[in-house]
Amino acid sequence: MKKETLVEIKMDSETLDTVQSLYKELGTSFEEAVRIFAIQSLSENGFPFVPRKYEIKTRTAKGLLSKYASEESRKKEMNAFMEMVKAEYQL
């Protein structure tokens, strides 16, 4: 059996409470999520996801998604989707 090592993480208590509740709802624990993160990091040889920069408070799209954030762009995409549905189902 491999020797286990204790890892300590510092974070504010509100974040910890919230993330523990989240993983409990998902049927696991924050501790298990950290172990999964570590194993996936080794498997991917880096982050197991693509880090993105965005502002949590305003949910402002940044980077590649910013061009879709305008009201005009959303309307254009919705109209294109509706036209595709009409053509597909001959409406």
N, C-alpha and C. Protein backbone atom coordinates (compact mmCIF):
# COMPACT_ATOMS: atom_id res chain seq x y z
N MET A 1 0.83 -1.18 0.00
CA MET A 1 0.00 0.00 0.00
C MET A 1 0.88 1.24 0.00
N LYS A 2 0.50 2.23 -0.81
CA LYS A 2 1.27 3.47 -0.88
C LYS A 2 1.06 4.30 0.37
N LYS A 3 2.12 5.00 0.76
CA LYS A 3 2.05 5.88 1.91
C LYS A 3 1.21 7.10 1.56
N GLU A 4 0.28 7.48 2.43
CA GLU A 4 -0.56 8.65 2.21
C GLU A 4 0.08 9.87 2.85
N THR A 5 -0.13 11.03 2.22
CA THR A 5 0.39 12.30 2.72
C THR A 5 -0.78 13.25 2.90
N LEU A 6 -0.76 13.99 4.00
CA LEU A 6 -1.79 14.97 4.28
C LEU A 6 -1.46 16.27 3.55
N VAL A 7 -2.44 16.82 2.85
CA VAL A 7 -2.28 18.07 2.11
C VAL A 7 -3.22 19.09 2.75
N GLU A 8 -2.69 20.27 3.07
CA GLU A 8 -3.51 21.33 3.63
C GLU A 8 -3.71 22.43 2.59
N ILE A 9 -4.93 22.96 2.51
CA ILE A 9 -5.26 24.03 1.58
C ILE A 9 -5.86 25.17 2.38
N LYS A 10 -5.37 26.38 2.16
CA LYS A 10 -5.94 27.54 2.83
C LYS A 10 -6.93 28.22 1.90
N MET A 11 -8.14 28.47 2.43
CA MET A 11 -9.15 29.23 1.70
C MET A 11 -10.12 29.80 2.71
N ASP A 12 -10.90 30.79 2.28
CA ASP A 12 -11.83 31.39 3.22
C ASP A 12 -12.95 30.40 3.53
N SER A 13 -13.53 30.53 4.72
CA SER A 13 -14.51 29.55 5.19
C SER A 13 -15.78 29.54 4.35
N GLU A 14 -16.17 30.69 3.80
CA GLU A 14 -17.38 30.75 2.97
C GLU A 14 -17.20 29.91 1.70
N THR A 15 -16.04 30.04 1.07
CA THR A 15 -15.75 29.25 -0.13
C THR A 15 -15.72 27.77 0.21
N LEU A 16 -15.08 27.43 1.31
CA LEU A 16 -14.99 26.03 1.72
C LEU A 16 -16.38 25.45 1.97
N ASP A 17 -17.22 26.17 2.71
CA ASP A 17 -18.57 25.68 2.99
C ASP A 17 -19.36 25.47 1.70
N THR A 18 -19.24 26.43 0.77
CA THR A 18 -19.97 26.35 -0.49
C THR A 18 -19.51 25.17 -1.34
N VAL A 19 -18.20 25.00 -1.45
CA VAL A 19 -17.67 23.91 -2.29
C VAL A 19 -17.96 22.55 -1.64
N GLN A 20 -17.93 22.47 -0.33
CA GLN A 20 -18.26 21.20 0.33
C GLN A 20 -19.73 20.85 0.09
N SER A 21 -20.61 21.83 0.14
CA SER A 21 -22.03 21.60 -0.14
C SER A 21 -22.22 21.14 -1.59
N LEU A 22 -21.52 21.79 -2.50
CA LEU A 22 -21.61 21.43 -3.91
C LEU A 22 -21.25 19.96 -4.12
N TYR A 23 -20.10 19.54 -3.61
CA TYR A 23 -19.66 18.17 -3.84
C TYR A 23 -20.51 17.16 -3.08
N LYS A 24 -21.08 17.56 -1.95
CA LYS A 24 -22.00 16.68 -1.22
C LYS A 24 -23.23 16.42 -2.08
N GLU A 25 -23.75 17.48 -2.74
CA GLU A 25 -24.90 17.33 -3.64
C GLU A 25 -24.55 16.42 -4.82
N LEU A 26 -23.28 16.42 -5.22
CA LEU A 26 -22.83 15.59 -6.33
C LEU A 26 -22.50 14.16 -5.89
N GLY A 27 -22.66 13.88 -4.60
CA GLY A 27 -22.44 12.53 -4.09
C GLY A 27 -21.01 12.20 -3.77
N THR A 28 -20.19 13.20 -3.56
CA THR A 28 -18.79 12.97 -3.22
C THR A 28 -18.36 14.03 -2.20
N SER A 29 -17.08 14.16 -2.00
CA SER A 29 -16.56 15.14 -1.05
C SER A 29 -15.56 16.06 -1.74
N PHE A 30 -15.31 17.18 -1.11
CA PHE A 30 -14.30 18.11 -1.63
C PHE A 30 -12.94 17.42 -1.65
N GLU A 31 -12.66 16.65 -0.60
CA GLU A 31 -11.38 15.94 -0.53
C GLU A 31 -11.22 14.99 -1.72
N GLU A 32 -12.30 14.26 -2.04
CA GLU A 32 -12.25 13.35 -3.19
C GLU A 32 -12.09 14.12 -4.49
N ALA A 33 -12.75 15.28 -4.59
CA ALA A 33 -12.62 16.12 -5.79
C ALA A 33 -11.17 16.57 -5.97
N VAL A 34 -10.50 16.89 -4.89
CA VAL A 34 -9.08 17.29 -4.97
C VAL A 34 -8.24 16.11 -5.45
N ARG A 35 -8.53 14.90 -4.94
CA ARG A 35 -7.78 13.71 -5.41
C ARG A 35 -8.03 13.48 -6.89
N ILE A 36 -9.29 13.62 -7.31
CA ILE A 36 -9.62 13.45 -8.74
C ILE A 36 -8.88 14.48 -9.58
N PHE A 37 -8.86 15.73 -9.10
CA PHE A 37 -8.15 16.80 -9.80
C PHE A 37 -6.68 16.44 -9.98
N ALA A 38 -6.05 15.93 -8.92
CA ALA A 38 -4.63 15.57 -8.99
C ALA A 38 -4.39 14.45 -10.00
N ILE A 39 -5.23 13.43 -9.96
CA ILE A 39 -5.06 12.29 -10.87
C ILE A 39 -5.29 12.72 -12.32
N GLN A 40 -6.33 13.53 -12.54
CA GLN A 40 -6.60 14.02 -13.90
C GLN A 40 -5.48 14.94 -14.39
N SER A 41 -4.90 15.73 -13.50
CA SER A 41 -3.78 16.59 -13.88
C SER A 41 -2.61 15.76 -14.38
N LEU A 42 -2.34 14.66 -13.69
CA LEU A 42 -1.26 13.77 -14.14
C LEU A 42 -1.61 13.13 -15.47
N SER A 43 -2.85 12.73 -15.63
CA SER A 43 -3.29 12.10 -16.87
C SER A 43 -3.19 13.07 -18.05
N GLU A 44 -3.55 14.33 -17.82
CA GLU A 44 -3.52 15.35 -18.87
C GLU A 44 -2.15 16.02 -19.02
N ASN A 45 -1.27 15.76 -18.05
CA ASN A 45 0.03 16.42 -17.99
C ASN A 45 -0.13 17.94 -17.93
N GLY A 46 -1.08 18.37 -17.12
CA GLY A 46 -1.39 19.79 -16.94
C GLY A 46 -2.76 19.92 -16.31
N PHE A 47 -3.35 21.11 -16.43
CA PHE A 47 -4.70 21.31 -15.91
C PHE A 47 -5.66 20.36 -16.62
N PRO A 48 -6.62 19.77 -15.88
CA PRO A 48 -7.59 18.90 -16.53
C PRO A 48 -8.76 19.68 -17.15
N PHE A 49 -8.56 20.96 -17.34
CA PHE A 49 -9.53 21.84 -17.98
C PHE A 49 -8.77 23.02 -18.53
N VAL A 50 -9.41 23.79 -19.39
CA VAL A 50 -8.77 24.98 -19.94
C VAL A 50 -9.12 26.17 -19.05
N PRO A 51 -8.14 26.76 -18.37
CA PRO A 51 -8.43 27.92 -17.52
C PRO A 51 -8.95 29.07 -18.36
N ARG A 52 -9.98 29.72 -17.87
CA ARG A 52 -10.58 30.86 -18.55
C ARG A 52 -10.60 32.04 -17.59
N LYS A 53 -10.49 33.22 -18.13
CA LYS A 53 -10.56 34.42 -17.31
C LYS A 53 -11.92 35.07 -17.55
N TYR A 54 -12.67 35.27 -16.50
CA TYR A 54 -13.94 35.98 -16.58
C TYR A 54 -14.23 36.60 -15.22
N GLU A 55 -15.13 37.54 -15.20
CA GLU A 55 -15.49 38.20 -13.97
C GLU A 55 -16.73 37.54 -13.41
N ILE A 56 -16.57 36.92 -12.25
CA ILE A 56 -17.67 36.18 -11.64
C ILE A 56 -18.84 37.09 -11.27
N LYS A 57 -18.56 38.27 -10.74
CA LYS A 57 -19.62 39.15 -10.27
C LYS A 57 -20.55 39.59 -11.39
N THR A 58 -20.02 39.87 -12.55
CA THR A 58 -20.84 40.38 -13.64
C THR A 58 -21.11 39.34 -14.72
N ARG A 59 -20.44 38.19 -14.65
CA ARG A 59 -20.57 37.16 -15.67
C ARG A 59 -20.30 37.72 -17.06
N THR A 60 -19.31 38.60 -17.15
CA THR A 60 -18.94 39.21 -18.42
C THR A 60 -18.09 38.23 -19.22
N ALA A 61 -18.48 38.00 -20.44
CA ALA A 61 -17.71 37.09 -21.30
C ALA A 61 -16.40 37.76 -21.70
N LYS A 62 -15.35 36.98 -21.69
CA LYS A 62 -14.03 37.47 -22.08
C LYS A 62 -13.46 36.53 -23.13
N GLY A 63 -12.42 36.96 -23.76
CA GLY A 63 -11.71 36.10 -24.69
C GLY A 63 -12.54 35.67 -25.88
N LEU A 64 -12.49 34.37 -26.19
CA LEU A 64 -13.14 33.85 -27.38
C LEU A 64 -14.65 34.04 -27.39
N LEU A 65 -15.29 34.04 -26.23
CA LEU A 65 -16.74 34.14 -26.17
C LEU A 65 -17.26 35.56 -26.21
N SER A 66 -16.39 36.54 -26.08
CA SER A 66 -16.86 37.93 -25.99
C SER A 66 -17.62 38.37 -27.23
N LYS A 67 -17.30 37.81 -28.41
CA LYS A 67 -18.00 38.24 -29.62
C LYS A 67 -19.46 37.79 -29.62
N TYR A 68 -19.82 36.81 -28.77
CA TYR A 68 -21.19 36.34 -28.69
C TYR A 68 -21.97 37.01 -27.54
N ALA A 69 -21.33 37.91 -26.82
CA ALA A 69 -21.94 38.49 -25.63
C ALA A 69 -22.90 39.62 -25.92
N SER A 70 -22.87 40.19 -27.11
CA SER A 70 -23.74 41.32 -27.39
C SER A 70 -25.16 40.85 -27.69
N GLU A 71 -26.11 41.70 -27.39
CA GLU A 71 -27.52 41.41 -27.66
C GLU A 71 -27.74 41.15 -29.15
N GLU A 72 -27.09 41.94 -29.98
CA GLU A 72 -27.23 41.80 -31.43
C GLU A 72 -26.76 40.42 -31.89
N SER A 73 -25.62 39.96 -31.37
CA SER A 73 -25.10 38.65 -31.74
C SER A 73 -26.03 37.53 -31.30
N ARG A 74 -26.59 37.65 -30.09
CA ARG A 74 -27.53 36.63 -29.61
C ARG A 74 -28.77 36.58 -30.50
N LYS A 75 -29.28 37.74 -30.90
CA LYS A 75 -30.46 37.79 -31.76
C LYS A 75 -30.17 37.15 -33.12
N LYS A 76 -28.99 37.46 -33.69
CA LYS A 76 -28.61 36.88 -34.97
C LYS A 76 -28.53 35.36 -34.88
N GLU A 77 -27.93 34.87 -33.81
CA GLU A 77 -27.80 33.43 -33.65
C GLU A 77 -29.18 32.78 -33.47
N MET A 78 -30.04 33.39 -32.68
CA MET A 78 -31.39 32.85 -32.47
C MET A 78 -32.16 32.83 -33.79
N ASN A 79 -32.06 33.90 -34.56
CA ASN A 79 -32.75 33.96 -35.86
C ASN A 79 -32.22 32.88 -36.81
N ALA A 80 -30.91 32.68 -36.84
CA ALA A 80 -30.33 31.65 -37.70
C ALA A 80 -30.81 30.26 -37.27
N PHE A 81 -30.88 30.04 -35.97
CA PHE A 81 -31.36 28.76 -35.45
C PHE A 81 -32.83 28.53 -35.85
N MET A 82 -33.66 29.56 -35.69
CA MET A 82 -35.07 29.44 -36.02
C MET A 82 -35.26 29.17 -37.52
N GLU A 83 -34.46 29.82 -38.35
CA GLU A 83 -34.54 29.58 -39.80
C GLU A 83 -34.15 28.15 -40.13
N MET A 84 -33.14 27.63 -39.45
CA MET A 84 -32.71 26.26 -39.67
C MET A 84 -33.82 25.29 -39.26
N VAL A 85 -34.47 25.53 -38.13
CA VAL A 85 -35.56 24.67 -37.67
C VAL A 85 -36.71 24.70 -38.67
N LYS A 86 -37.08 25.89 -39.13
CA LYS A 86 -38.16 26.04 -40.11
C LYS A 86 -37.86 25.25 -41.39
N ALA A 87 -36.63 25.36 -41.87
CA ALA A 87 -36.24 24.65 -43.08
C ALA A 87 -36.22 23.14 -42.85
N GLU A 88 -35.69 22.71 -41.73
CA GLU A 88 -35.58 21.28 -41.41
C GLU A 88 -36.96 20.63 -41.32
N TYR A 89 -37.89 21.30 -40.67
CA TYR A 89 -39.22 20.74 -40.43
C TYR A 89 -40.29 21.31 -41.37
N GLN A 90 -39.84 22.03 -42.38
CA GLN A 90 -40.71 22.63 -43.39
C GLN A 90 -41.89 23.37 -42.77
N LEU A 91 -41.57 24.26 -41.87
CA LEU A 91 -42.60 25.07 -41.19
C LEU A 91 -42.84 26.37 -41.92
